[in-house]
Protein backbone atom coordinates (compact mmCIF):
# COMPACT_ATOMS: atom_id res chain seq x y z
CA UNK A 1 6.94 -39.83 171.30
CA UNK A 2 8.13 -37.15 169.02
CA UNK A 3 7.17 -36.02 165.39
CA UNK A 4 9.43 -37.03 162.51
CA UNK A 5 11.32 -34.37 160.57
CA UNK A 6 9.06 -34.86 157.61
CA UNK A 7 5.98 -34.34 159.75
CA UNK A 8 7.70 -31.22 161.47
CA UNK A 9 8.78 -29.63 158.19
CA UNK A 10 5.26 -30.07 156.63
CA UNK A 11 3.63 -28.45 159.58
CA UNK A 12 5.94 -25.64 159.84
CA UNK A 13 5.52 -24.84 156.12
CA UNK A 14 1.66 -24.54 156.44
CA UNK A 15 0.14 -21.70 158.54
CA UNK A 16 -3.28 -23.31 157.98
CA UNK A 17 -2.04 -26.73 159.79
CA UNK A 18 -0.52 -24.59 162.56
CA UNK A 19 -3.86 -22.66 163.01
CA UNK A 20 -5.89 -25.98 163.01
CA UNK A 21 -3.44 -27.36 165.67
CA UNK A 22 -3.95 -24.32 167.70
CA UNK A 23 -7.60 -24.79 167.61
CA UNK A 24 -7.49 -28.61 168.33
CA UNK A 25 -5.06 -28.15 171.36
CA UNK A 26 -6.64 -24.83 172.51
CA UNK A 27 -3.37 -23.09 172.24
CA UNK A 28 -2.15 -19.94 170.63
CA UNK A 29 -0.04 -19.79 167.48
CA UNK A 30 3.02 -18.87 169.59
CA UNK A 31 2.62 -22.00 171.62
CA UNK A 32 2.21 -24.12 168.53
CA UNK A 33 5.58 -22.60 167.12
CA UNK A 34 7.18 -23.31 170.46
CA UNK A 35 5.91 -26.94 170.31
CA UNK A 36 7.17 -27.40 166.81
CA UNK A 37 10.61 -25.85 167.63
CA UNK A 38 11.03 -28.17 170.49
CA UNK A 39 9.13 -31.18 169.07
CA UNK A 40 6.98 -31.40 172.35
CA UNK A 41 4.87 -34.40 173.06
CA UNK A 42 1.83 -32.23 173.00
CA UNK A 43 2.00 -32.64 169.18
CA UNK A 44 1.37 -36.28 169.56
CA UNK A 45 -2.06 -35.81 171.56
CA UNK A 46 -4.96 -37.61 169.82
CA UNK A 47 -6.56 -34.26 168.76
CA UNK A 48 -3.29 -32.99 167.26
CA UNK A 49 -2.48 -36.26 165.44
CA UNK A 50 -5.98 -36.18 163.91
CA UNK A 51 -5.39 -32.70 162.36
CA UNK A 52 -1.90 -33.74 161.21
CA UNK A 53 -3.30 -36.91 159.53
CA UNK A 54 -6.27 -35.08 157.92
CA UNK A 55 -4.14 -32.10 156.69
CA UNK A 56 -1.08 -33.80 155.62
CA UNK A 57 -2.05 -37.13 154.35
CA UNK A 58 0.83 -38.71 156.08
CA UNK A 59 0.67 -42.11 157.84
CA UNK A 60 1.25 -42.64 161.52
CA UNK A 61 4.57 -44.34 160.50
CA UNK A 62 5.48 -41.05 158.69
CA UNK A 63 4.29 -38.86 161.46
CA UNK A 64 5.77 -40.47 164.63
CA UNK A 65 9.21 -41.60 165.42
CA UNK A 66 10.02 -43.93 168.33
């Protein structure tokens, strides 16, 4: 699965969300930026989705594309 463009753009625009994703996934900011550029599956892990839901207010339908 991948993130939708809406979710990606929301995360990219927020340094705080990227920081929290890094903590949740135990990855550096550089790794998170790479994951965002390449829309990596790592961003759909349970810990990452929890952060994305809480920080953006988006629903799963708005976050994930099939």
